[in-house]
Amino acid sequence: MTRATLRGVDFRKARFDRFALASCLFLSCDFRAIHFDKRWQPLFAARPQNVFRDCHFDGADMRRVRPDQARFERCTFDDAALDGWRTEAAEFIGCRFAGAPGKVVFYGKPNASLARTLDPVRKRNEFAQNDFRDADLDDVVFTAGILVSAQRWPSQERYVILDHFPRRMARAKEEIVRWDVQEERIAGLDMLKQLSMRFRDQTEIIASRVSASGPAARVQTRVWAALEHAG
C-alpha cells in the first residue's frame, strides 16, 4: 500500500506478519506501550518516507527498531525506551520526549552515502521545535548540525547549553593547557577532544554538566566552566 492516510488507528490491537506501507501518512495513530520488534521495521524504513503526525508512542519499547528515514511530526514519546537509537536519517518536528529514553544520538544531517539513498532525497534532517523539558538527557547526544536554540530544554543546572561552540573550544584549550595539576590537565584536554568528536558540526550544544562516562567530576566541572567563560 502506498500514499494512503491511516487516521486514528489503534496499532496496539494490530496483528500482522509484516508491513508493506510506503509514502503513507499516519495521523493520530496509537502506538502506546507497544513492544516493537523487527516486524515493525519496514514501517520506519519505507521508501518513499512514511510520515507520523500527532501519533503517540508513549511507553513503547522501541529498542529493537530503528527510526530509519521516517518523519515524526507532533508525536509524543513520553517514557518510551529508545536505547540504541541513532537517528541518522529520521526527522522530528514538534515532538515531545519525557522520561529517560536511554542512549540516543540525534543527527541534524545524514552522512553523504546515506543521503543518496533517501526518498525524498535531502541533505539535512529537519529537527525543530521539539520539547525535551521533561526528558533525562544524560545519555542523549545532539550532533551533525542540530539547531539547539530551536528546541525546548530542561532548565536544571545539571545541563549546560552553549553557543559559538568551536570558538569556545579553542579559547578553553588555551586555559586548560595552563592548569597546574598535570593529571587534571591531561584529563581536561582529553575531554575537549571527546567533546569535539561528539558535537561534530555543532555551533550550539547541550550536554550534562557531569557525565558518569566522563573523567572525574571535578575535571568535568572545570572544563565546562572554562567553556562557559570562553564566550
C-alpha atoms as a PDB file:
ATOM      1  CA  MET A   1       0.000   0.000   0.000  1.00  0.00           C
ATOM      2  CA  THR A   2       1.303   3.456  -0.905  1.00  0.00           C
ATOM      3  CA  ARG A   3       0.154   7.057  -0.457  1.00  0.00           C
ATOM      4  CA  ALA A   4      -2.604   6.114   1.972  1.00  0.00           C
ATOM      5  CA  THR A   5      -3.749   8.038   5.047  1.00  0.00           C
ATOM      6  CA  LEU A   6      -4.310   5.937   8.161  1.00  0.00           C
ATOM      7  CA  ARG A   7      -6.309   8.016  10.627  1.00  0.00           C
ATOM      8  CA  GLY A   8      -6.860   7.191  14.290  1.00  0.00           C
ATOM      9  CA  VAL A   9      -5.711   3.581  14.017  1.00  0.00           C
ATOM     10  CA  ASP A  10      -5.031   1.793  17.321  1.00  0.00           C
ATOM     11  CA  PHE A  11      -1.979  -0.294  16.440  1.00  0.00           C
ATOM     12  CA  ARG A  12      -1.977  -1.850  19.913  1.00  0.00           C
ATOM     13  CA  LYS A  13      -4.648  -4.203  18.562  1.00  0.00           C
ATOM     14  CA  ALA A  14      -2.876  -4.931  15.276  1.00  0.00           C
ATOM     15  CA  ARG A  15      -1.977  -8.492  14.326  1.00  0.00           C
ATOM     16  CA  PHE A  16       0.312  -8.981  11.337  1.00  0.00           C
ATOM     17  CA  ASP A  17       3.354 -10.817   9.989  1.00  0.00           C
ATOM     18  CA  ARG A  18       4.831  -7.890   8.068  1.00  0.00           C
ATOM     19  CA  PHE A  19       4.112  -4.313   6.951  1.00  0.00           C
ATOM     20  CA  ALA A  20       4.251  -3.121   3.321  1.00  0.00           C
ATOM     21  CA  LEU A  21       3.345   0.563   3.602  1.00  0.00           C
ATOM     22  CA  ALA A  22       5.271   3.373   1.900  1.00  0.00           C
ATOM     23  CA  SER A  23       4.706   7.097   1.414  1.00  0.00           C
ATOM     24  CA  CYS A  24       1.823   6.912   3.883  1.00  0.00           C
ATOM     25  CA  LEU A  25       0.526   9.395   6.444  1.00  0.00           C
ATOM     26  CA  PHE A  26      -0.192   8.001   9.903  1.00  0.00           C
ATOM     27  CA  LEU A  27      -2.489  10.563  11.514  1.00  0.00           C
ATOM     28  CA  SER A  28      -3.339  10.479  15.249  1.00  0.00           C
ATOM     29  CA  CYS A  29      -2.473   6.780  15.479  1.00  0.00           C
ATOM     30  CA  ASP A  30      -1.875   4.990  18.782  1.00  0.00           C
ATOM     31  CA  PHE A  31       1.369   3.055  19.305  1.00  0.00           C
ATOM     32  CA  ARG A  32       1.432   3.390  23.106  1.00  0.00           C
ATOM     33  CA  ALA A  33       3.144   0.656  25.155  1.00  0.00           C
ATOM     34  CA  ILE A  34       3.829  -1.499  22.105  1.00  0.00           C
ATOM     35  CA  HIS A  35       6.925  -3.707  22.265  1.00  0.00           C
ATOM     36  CA  PHE A  36       8.253  -3.146  18.765  1.00  0.00           C
ATOM     37  CA  ASP A  37      10.174  -5.996  17.129  1.00  0.00           C
ATOM     38  CA  LYS A  38      11.768  -6.470  13.707  1.00  0.00           C
ATOM     39  CA  ARG A  39       8.366  -6.961  12.039  1.00  0.00           C
ATOM     40  CA  TRP A  40       7.753  -3.233  12.558  1.00  0.00           C
ATOM     41  CA  GLN A  41      10.990  -2.071  10.939  1.00  0.00           C
ATOM     42  CA  PRO A  42       9.566  -1.670   7.381  1.00  0.00           C
ATOM     43  CA  LEU A  43       7.162   0.912   8.797  1.00  0.00           C
ATOM     44  CA  PHE A  44      10.084   3.253   9.511  1.00  0.00           C
ATOM     45  CA  ALA A  45      12.412   2.179   6.691  1.00  0.00           C
ATOM     46  CA  ALA A  46       9.868   2.640   3.888  1.00  0.00           C
ATOM     47  CA  ARG A  47      10.881   4.482   0.744  1.00  0.00           C
ATOM     48  CA  PRO A  48       9.298   6.878  -0.035  1.00  0.00           C
ATOM     49  CA  GLN A  49       9.242   8.142   3.538  1.00  0.00           C
ATOM     50  CA  ASN A  50       6.322   7.441   5.879  1.00  0.00           C
ATOM     51  CA  VAL A  51       5.087  10.379   7.974  1.00  0.00           C
ATOM     52  CA  PHE A  52       3.744  10.033  11.523  1.00  0.00           C
ATOM     53  CA  ARG A  53       1.701  13.064  12.590  1.00  0.00           C
ATOM     54  CA  ASP A  54       0.125  13.551  16.039  1.00  0.00           C
ATOM     55  CA  CYS A  55       0.868   9.917  16.888  1.00  0.00           C
ATOM     56  CA  HIS A  56       1.562   8.568  20.387  1.00  0.00           C
ATOM     57  CA  PHE A  57       4.488   6.281  21.215  1.00  0.00           C
ATOM     58  CA  ASP A  58       4.272   6.813  24.989  1.00  0.00           C
ATOM     59  CA  GLY A  59       5.625   3.888  26.994  1.00  0.00           C
ATOM     60  CA  ALA A  60       6.590   1.992  23.842  1.00  0.00           C
ATOM     61  CA  ASP A  61       9.691  -0.201  23.778  1.00  0.00           C
ATOM     62  CA  MET A  62      11.377   0.776  20.507  1.00  0.00           C
ATOM     63  CA  ARG A  63      14.852  -0.579  21.216  1.00  0.00           C
ATOM     64  CA  ARG A  64      14.585  -3.324  18.590  1.00  0.00           C
ATOM     65  CA  VAL A  65      13.689  -0.987  15.719  1.00  0.00           C
ATOM     66  CA  ARG A  66      15.443   1.966  14.116  1.00  0.00           C
ATOM     67  CA  PRO A  67      13.669   5.194  13.142  1.00  0.00           C
ATOM     68  CA  ASP A  68      15.482   4.958   9.782  1.00  0.00           C
ATOM     69  CA  GLN A  69      14.215   7.688   7.408  1.00  0.00           C
ATOM     70  CA  ALA A  70      10.741   8.175   8.951  1.00  0.00           C
ATOM     71  CA  ARG A  71       9.377  11.647   9.685  1.00  0.00           C
ATOM     72  CA  PHE A  72       7.670  12.356  13.020  1.00  0.00           C
ATOM     73  CA  GLU A  73       5.533  15.489  13.409  1.00  0.00           C
ATOM     74  CA  ARG A  74       3.992  16.476  16.772  1.00  0.00           C
ATOM     75  CA  CYS A  75       4.376  12.939  18.129  1.00  0.00           C
ATOM     76  CA  THR A  76       4.826  12.059  21.810  1.00  0.00           C
ATOM     77  CA  PHE A  77       7.477   9.721  23.212  1.00  0.00           C
ATOM     78  CA  ASP A  78       6.800  10.012  26.955  1.00  0.00           C
ATOM     79  CA  ASP A  79       8.686   7.239  28.794  1.00  0.00           C
ATOM     80  CA  ALA A  80       9.447   5.475  25.512  1.00  0.00           C
ATOM     81  CA  ALA A  81      12.505   3.182  25.534  1.00  0.00           C
ATOM     82  CA  LEU A  82      14.736   4.336  22.669  1.00  0.00           C
ATOM     83  CA  ASP A  83      18.081   3.000  23.883  1.00  0.00           C
ATOM     84  CA  GLY A  84      20.470   2.420  20.981  1.00  0.00           C
ATOM     85  CA  TRP A  85      18.748   4.780  18.544  1.00  0.00           C
ATOM     86  CA  ARG A  86      20.980   6.591  16.063  1.00  0.00           C
ATOM     87  CA  THR A  87      18.696   8.813  14.010  1.00  0.00           C
ATOM     88  CA  GLU A  88      20.994   9.380  11.030  1.00  0.00           C
ATOM     89  CA  ALA A  89      18.083   9.890   8.624  1.00  0.00           C
ATOM     90  CA  ALA A  90      14.964  10.421  10.766  1.00  0.00           C
ATOM     91  CA  GLU A  91      13.198  13.762  11.149  1.00  0.00           C
ATOM     92  CA  PHE A  92      11.469  15.135  14.256  1.00  0.00           C
ATOM     93  CA  ILE A  93       9.350  18.292  14.252  1.00  0.00           C
ATOM     94  CA  GLY A  94       7.350  19.478  17.259  1.00  0.00           C
ATOM     95  CA  CYS A  95       7.681  16.168  19.113  1.00  0.00           C
ATOM     96  CA  ARG A  96       7.704  15.685  22.881  1.00  0.00           C
ATOM     97  CA  PHE A  97      10.149  13.451  24.771  1.00  0.00           C
ATOM     98  CA  ALA A  98       9.840  12.743  28.501  1.00  0.00           C
ATOM     99  CA  GLY A  99      11.495  10.326  30.907  1.00  0.00           C
ATOM    100  CA  ALA A 100      14.798   8.551  30.252  1.00  0.00           C
ATOM    101  CA  PRO A 101      14.988   7.431  26.601  1.00  0.00           C
ATOM    102  CA  GLY A 102      18.408   5.770  27.046  1.00  0.00           C
ATOM    103  CA  LYS A 103      21.477   6.191  24.852  1.00  0.00           C
ATOM    104  CA  VAL A 104      20.275   8.081  21.789  1.00  0.00           C
ATOM    105  CA  VAL A 105      22.070  10.141  19.126  1.00  0.00           C
ATOM    106  CA  PHE A 106      20.032  12.664  17.140  1.00  0.00           C
ATOM    107  CA  TYR A 107      21.584  13.810  13.837  1.00  0.00           C
ATOM    108  CA  GLY A 108      20.982  17.064  12.003  1.00  0.00           C
ATOM    109  CA  LYS A 109      22.035  15.570   8.685  1.00  0.00           C
ATOM    110  CA  PRO A 110      22.719  12.144   7.153  1.00  0.00           C
ATOM    111  CA  ASN A 111      26.192  11.228   6.010  1.00  0.00           C
ATOM    112  CA  ALA A 112      26.871  11.600   2.287  1.00  0.00           C
ATOM    113  CA  SER A 113      26.468   7.926   1.356  1.00  0.00           C
ATOM    114  CA  LEU A 114      23.232   7.565   3.318  1.00  0.00           C
ATOM    115  CA  ALA A 115      21.797  10.801   1.911  1.00  0.00           C
ATOM    116  CA  ARG A 116      21.902   9.362  -1.613  1.00  0.00           C
ATOM    117  CA  THR A 117      19.588   6.502  -0.599  1.00  0.00           C
ATOM    118  CA  LEU A 118      16.854   8.642   0.960  1.00  0.00           C
ATOM    119  CA  ASP A 119      13.456   9.221  -0.617  1.00  0.00           C
ATOM    120  CA  PRO A 120      12.799  12.078  -0.747  1.00  0.00           C
ATOM    121  CA  VAL A 121      16.464  12.991  -1.225  1.00  0.00           C
ATOM    122  CA  ARG A 122      17.706  15.571   1.266  1.00  0.00           C
ATOM    123  CA  LYS A 123      20.952  16.855   2.722  1.00  0.00           C
ATOM    124  CA  ARG A 124      19.528  17.722   6.146  1.00  0.00           C
ATOM    125  CA  ASN A 125      17.159  16.113   8.617  1.00  0.00           C
ATOM    126  CA  GLU A 126      14.507  18.568   9.750  1.00  0.00           C
ATOM    127  CA  PHE A 127      14.747  18.790  13.539  1.00  0.00           C
ATOM    128  CA  ALA A 128      12.918  21.704  15.177  1.00  0.00           C
ATOM    129  CA  GLN A 129      10.508  22.762  17.935  1.00  0.00           C
ATOM    130  CA  ASN A 130      10.936  19.526  19.868  1.00  0.00           C
ATOM    131  CA  ASP A 131      10.171  19.542  23.607  1.00  0.00           C
ATOM    132  CA  PHE A 132      12.731  17.867  25.889  1.00  0.00           C
ATOM    133  CA  ARG A 133      11.824  19.784  29.072  1.00  0.00           C
ATOM    134  CA  ASP A 134      10.815  16.638  30.977  1.00  0.00           C
ATOM    135  CA  ALA A 135      13.426  14.310  29.482  1.00  0.00           C
ATOM    136  CA  ASP A 136      16.558  12.880  31.095  1.00  0.00           C
ATOM    137  CA  LEU A 137      19.265  13.795  28.586  1.00  0.00           C
ATOM    138  CA  ASP A 138      22.293  12.321  30.369  1.00  0.00           C
ATOM    139  CA  ASP A 139      22.840   9.743  27.604  1.00  0.00           C
ATOM    140  CA  VAL A 140      21.417  11.741  24.691  1.00  0.00           C
ATOM    141  CA  VAL A 141      23.617  13.472  22.094  1.00  0.00           C
ATOM    142  CA  PHE A 142      22.589  16.101  19.549  1.00  0.00           C
ATOM    143  CA  THR A 143      25.071  16.338  16.698  1.00  0.00           C
ATOM    144  CA  ALA A 144      25.706  16.941  12.978  1.00  0.00           C
ATOM    145  CA  GLY A 145      24.188  20.378  12.746  1.00  0.00           C
ATOM    146  CA  ILE A 146      21.135  20.305  15.015  1.00  0.00           C
ATOM    147  CA  LEU A 147      19.985  23.810  15.957  1.00  0.00           C
ATOM    148  CA  VAL A 148      19.849  23.650  19.753  1.00  0.00           C
ATOM    149  CA  SER A 149      18.134  27.028  20.101  1.00  0.00           C
ATOM    150  CA  ALA A 150      15.185  25.726  18.036  1.00  0.00           C
ATOM    151  CA  GLN A 151      14.211  23.169  20.718  1.00  0.00           C
ATOM    152  CA  ARG A 152      12.830  23.369  24.289  1.00  0.00           C
ATOM    153  CA  TRP A 153      15.161  22.130  27.031  1.00  0.00           C
ATOM    154  CA  PRO A 154      15.176  21.294  30.748  1.00  0.00           C
ATOM    155  CA  SER A 155      16.030  24.275  32.941  1.00  0.00           C
ATOM    156  CA  GLN A 156      18.024  22.320  35.532  1.00  0.00           C
ATOM    157  CA  GLU A 157      21.594  23.294  36.373  1.00  0.00           C
ATOM    158  CA  ARG A 158      22.687  19.740  35.559  1.00  0.00           C
ATOM    159  CA  TYR A 159      22.744  20.692  31.865  1.00  0.00           C
ATOM    160  CA  VAL A 160      24.913  23.225  30.089  1.00  0.00           C
ATOM    161  CA  ILE A 161      23.848  24.975  26.884  1.00  0.00           C
ATOM    162  CA  LEU A 162      26.488  26.818  24.860  1.00  0.00           C
ATOM    163  CA  ASP A 163      26.588  28.775  21.619  1.00  0.00           C
ATOM    164  CA  HIS A 164      29.655  29.505  19.444  1.00  0.00           C
ATOM    165  CA  PHE A 165      30.987  26.096  20.415  1.00  0.00           C
ATOM    166  CA  PRO A 166      34.062  25.882  18.102  1.00  0.00           C
ATOM    167  CA  ARG A 167      35.271  29.296  19.275  1.00  0.00           C
ATOM    168  CA  ARG A 168      34.725  28.386  22.909  1.00  0.00           C
ATOM    169  CA  MET A 169      36.660  25.147  22.424  1.00  0.00           C
ATOM    170  CA  ALA A 170      39.707  26.976  21.091  1.00  0.00           C
ATOM    171  CA  ARG A 171      39.688  29.509  23.917  1.00  0.00           C
ATOM    172  CA  ALA A 172      39.064  26.907  26.624  1.00  0.00           C
ATOM    173  CA  LYS A 173      42.016  24.860  25.392  1.00  0.00           C
ATOM    174  CA  GLU A 174      44.281  27.870  25.885  1.00  0.00           C
ATOM    175  CA  GLU A 175      43.200  27.952  29.526  1.00  0.00           C
ATOM    176  CA  ILE A 176      43.304  24.221  30.199  1.00  0.00           C
ATOM    177  CA  VAL A 177      46.876  23.764  28.919  1.00  0.00           C
ATOM    178  CA  ARG A 178      47.917  26.079  31.759  1.00  0.00           C
ATOM    179  CA  TRP A 179      46.316  24.051  34.549  1.00  0.00           C
ATOM    180  CA  ASP A 180      48.857  23.306  37.277  1.00  0.00           C
ATOM    181  CA  VAL A 181      47.905  19.713  38.095  1.00  0.00           C
ATOM    182  CA  GLN A 182      49.186  17.515  35.277  1.00  0.00           C
ATOM    183  CA  GLU A 183      46.640  14.734  35.797  1.00  0.00           C
ATOM    184  CA  GLU A 184      43.743  17.179  35.565  1.00  0.00           C
ATOM    185  CA  ARG A 185      45.320  18.979  32.613  1.00  0.00           C
ATOM    186  CA  ILE A 186      45.654  15.750  30.621  1.00  0.00           C
ATOM    187  CA  ALA A 187      42.120  14.652  31.513  1.00  0.00           C
ATOM    188  CA  GLY A 188      40.743  18.091  30.625  1.00  0.00           C
ATOM    189  CA  LEU A 189      42.411  18.134  27.209  1.00  0.00           C
ATOM    190  CA  ASP A 190      41.198  14.606  26.513  1.00  0.00           C
ATOM    191  CA  MET A 191      37.664  15.679  27.442  1.00  0.00           C
ATOM    192  CA  LEU A 192      37.885  18.549  24.951  1.00  0.00           C
ATOM    193  CA  LYS A 193      38.924  16.076  22.262  1.00  0.00           C
ATOM    194  CA  GLN A 194      35.965  13.834  23.062  1.00  0.00           C
ATOM    195  CA  LEU A 195      33.564  16.788  23.011  1.00  0.00           C
ATOM    196  CA  SER A 196      34.901  17.868  19.619  1.00  0.00           C
ATOM    197  CA  MET A 197      34.116  14.441  18.141  1.00  0.00           C
ATOM    198  CA  ARG A 198      30.758  14.130  19.885  1.00  0.00           C
ATOM    199  CA  PHE A 199      29.466  17.503  18.741  1.00  0.00           C
ATOM    200  CA  ARG A 200      30.602  17.370  15.128  1.00  0.00           C
ATOM    201  CA  ASP A 201      29.309  20.285  13.036  1.00  0.00           C
ATOM    202  CA  GLN A 202      27.594  21.829  16.056  1.00  0.00           C
ATOM    203  CA  THR A 203      27.735  25.571  16.719  1.00  0.00           C
ATOM    204  CA  GLU A 204      25.337  25.130  19.655  1.00  0.00           C
ATOM    205  CA  ILE A 205      25.372  22.272  22.161  1.00  0.00           C
ATOM    206  CA  ILE A 206      23.552  20.892  25.174  1.00  0.00           C
ATOM    207  CA  ALA A 207      25.169  18.356  27.496  1.00  0.00           C
ATOM    208  CA  SER A 208      25.140  17.052  31.049  1.00  0.00           C
ATOM    209  CA  ARG A 209      27.482  19.019  33.266  1.00  0.00           C
ATOM    210  CA  VAL A 210      28.720  15.810  34.893  1.00  0.00           C
ATOM    211  CA  SER A 211      28.560  12.524  32.990  1.00  0.00           C
ATOM    212  CA  ALA A 212      29.057   9.079  34.515  1.00  0.00           C
ATOM    213  CA  SER A 213      31.170   8.113  31.496  1.00  0.00           C
ATOM    214  CA  GLY A 214      33.451  11.155  31.710  1.00  0.00           C
ATOM    215  CA  PRO A 215      36.560  11.933  33.771  1.00  0.00           C
ATOM    216  CA  ALA A 216      36.455  12.914  37.447  1.00  0.00           C
ATOM    217  CA  ALA A 217      33.569  15.222  38.311  1.00  0.00           C
ATOM    218  CA  ARG A 218      35.997  17.983  39.307  1.00  0.00           C
ATOM    219  CA  VAL A 219      37.627  17.866  35.862  1.00  0.00           C
ATOM    220  CA  GLN A 220      34.280  17.926  34.059  1.00  0.00           C
ATOM    221  CA  THR A 221      33.109  20.872  36.145  1.00  0.00           C
ATOM    222  CA  ARG A 222      36.303  22.805  35.414  1.00  0.00           C
ATOM    223  CA  VAL A 223      36.150  22.082  31.674  1.00  0.00           C
ATOM    224  CA  TRP A 224      32.548  23.254  31.395  1.00  0.00           C
ATOM    225  CA  ALA A 225      33.378  26.346  33.434  1.00  0.00           C
ATOM    226  CA  ALA A 226      36.233  27.116  31.033  1.00  0.00           C
ATOM    227  CA  LEU A 227      33.899  26.688  28.061  1.00  0.00           C
ATOM    228  CA  GLU A 228      31.228  28.884  29.631  1.00  0.00           C
ATOM    229  CA  HIS A 229      33.732  31.644  30.384  1.00  0.00           C
ATOM    230  CA  ALA A 230      35.238  31.420  26.891  1.00  0.00           C
ATOM    231  CA  GLY A 231      32.284  33.085  25.193  1.00  0.00           C
END
